[in-house]
């Protein structure tokens, strides 16, 4: 599992995918999320602006991504 460290209260799903280089553009993220390719905490998520916080787990394109706050 890849861990993404955030310094803000939350990060949006589309931004996690771009940060992890799983999509090249926001447009690609939007399209693939709306097609149901992303899962958040084991459930399909079609909201590209879904707010993610530490403890959430994203599964996308064979990759599992966890979130944590910076110390």
Protein backbone atom coordinates (compact mmCIF):
# COMPACT_ATOMS: atom_id res chain seq x y z
CA UNK A 1 0.00 0.00 0.00
CA UNK A 2 1.25 3.44 -0.94
CA UNK A 3 0.87 6.10 1.77
CA UNK A 4 0.07 9.72 0.89
CA UNK A 5 0.90 12.29 3.56
CA UNK A 6 -1.28 15.40 3.65
CA UNK A 7 -0.80 18.69 5.49
CA UNK A 8 -4.38 19.91 5.10
CA UNK A 9 -7.63 18.74 6.70
CA UNK A 10 -8.55 16.71 3.61
CA UNK A 11 -7.59 16.01 0.00
CA UNK A 12 -9.98 15.41 -2.88
CA UNK A 13 -10.09 12.03 -4.62
CA UNK A 14 -9.09 13.43 -8.02
CA UNK A 15 -6.06 15.12 -6.44
CA UNK A 16 -4.90 11.87 -4.82
CA UNK A 17 -4.98 10.14 -8.20
CA UNK A 18 -2.98 12.95 -9.82
CA UNK A 19 -0.51 13.10 -6.91
CA UNK A 20 0.15 9.36 -7.22
CA UNK A 21 0.58 9.65 -11.01
CA UNK A 22 -2.30 7.25 -11.64
CA UNK A 23 -3.86 9.75 -14.08
CA UNK A 24 -2.21 12.44 -16.14
CA UNK A 25 -4.86 15.16 -15.97
CA UNK A 26 -7.83 16.27 -13.94
CA UNK A 27 -10.02 15.51 -16.95
CA UNK A 28 -8.84 11.93 -17.05
CA UNK A 29 -9.42 11.63 -13.29
CA UNK A 30 -12.95 12.99 -13.66
CA UNK A 31 -13.81 10.59 -16.47
CA UNK A 32 -12.41 7.49 -14.80
CA UNK A 33 -13.94 8.28 -11.41
CA UNK A 34 -17.35 8.94 -12.95
CA UNK A 35 -17.08 5.60 -14.79
CA UNK A 36 -16.82 3.88 -11.39
CA UNK A 37 -13.16 2.88 -11.55
CA UNK A 38 -12.29 4.23 -8.07
CA UNK A 39 -13.13 2.70 -4.70
CA UNK A 40 -12.98 4.49 -1.37
CA UNK A 41 -13.03 2.31 1.74
CA UNK A 42 -14.19 -0.67 -0.31
CA UNK A 43 -17.10 1.04 -2.06
CA UNK A 44 -17.26 2.41 -5.60
CA UNK A 45 -17.06 6.20 -5.53
CA UNK A 46 -18.15 8.34 -8.48
CA UNK A 47 -17.57 11.72 -6.79
CA UNK A 48 -14.30 13.20 -8.04
CA UNK A 49 -14.46 15.87 -5.32
CA UNK A 50 -14.91 13.30 -2.53
CA UNK A 51 -13.07 14.60 0.53
CA UNK A 52 -10.58 12.07 1.86
CA UNK A 53 -9.03 12.14 5.30
CA UNK A 54 -6.43 10.00 7.07
CA UNK A 55 -7.75 6.51 7.59
CA UNK A 56 -9.46 6.43 4.18
CA UNK A 57 -8.19 3.89 1.66
CA UNK A 58 -8.43 4.38 -2.10
CA UNK A 59 -8.23 1.51 -4.58
CA UNK A 60 -7.65 2.50 -8.19
CA UNK A 61 -6.07 0.78 -11.19
CA UNK A 62 -4.65 -2.05 -9.07
CA UNK A 63 -3.11 0.36 -6.54
CA UNK A 64 -4.09 0.76 -2.89
CA UNK A 65 -3.47 4.18 -1.36
CA UNK A 66 -3.72 5.11 2.31
CA UNK A 67 -3.73 8.61 3.77
CA UNK A 68 -2.01 10.06 6.81
CA UNK A 69 -1.36 13.48 8.29
CA UNK A 70 2.16 14.88 8.32
CA UNK A 71 3.68 14.94 11.81
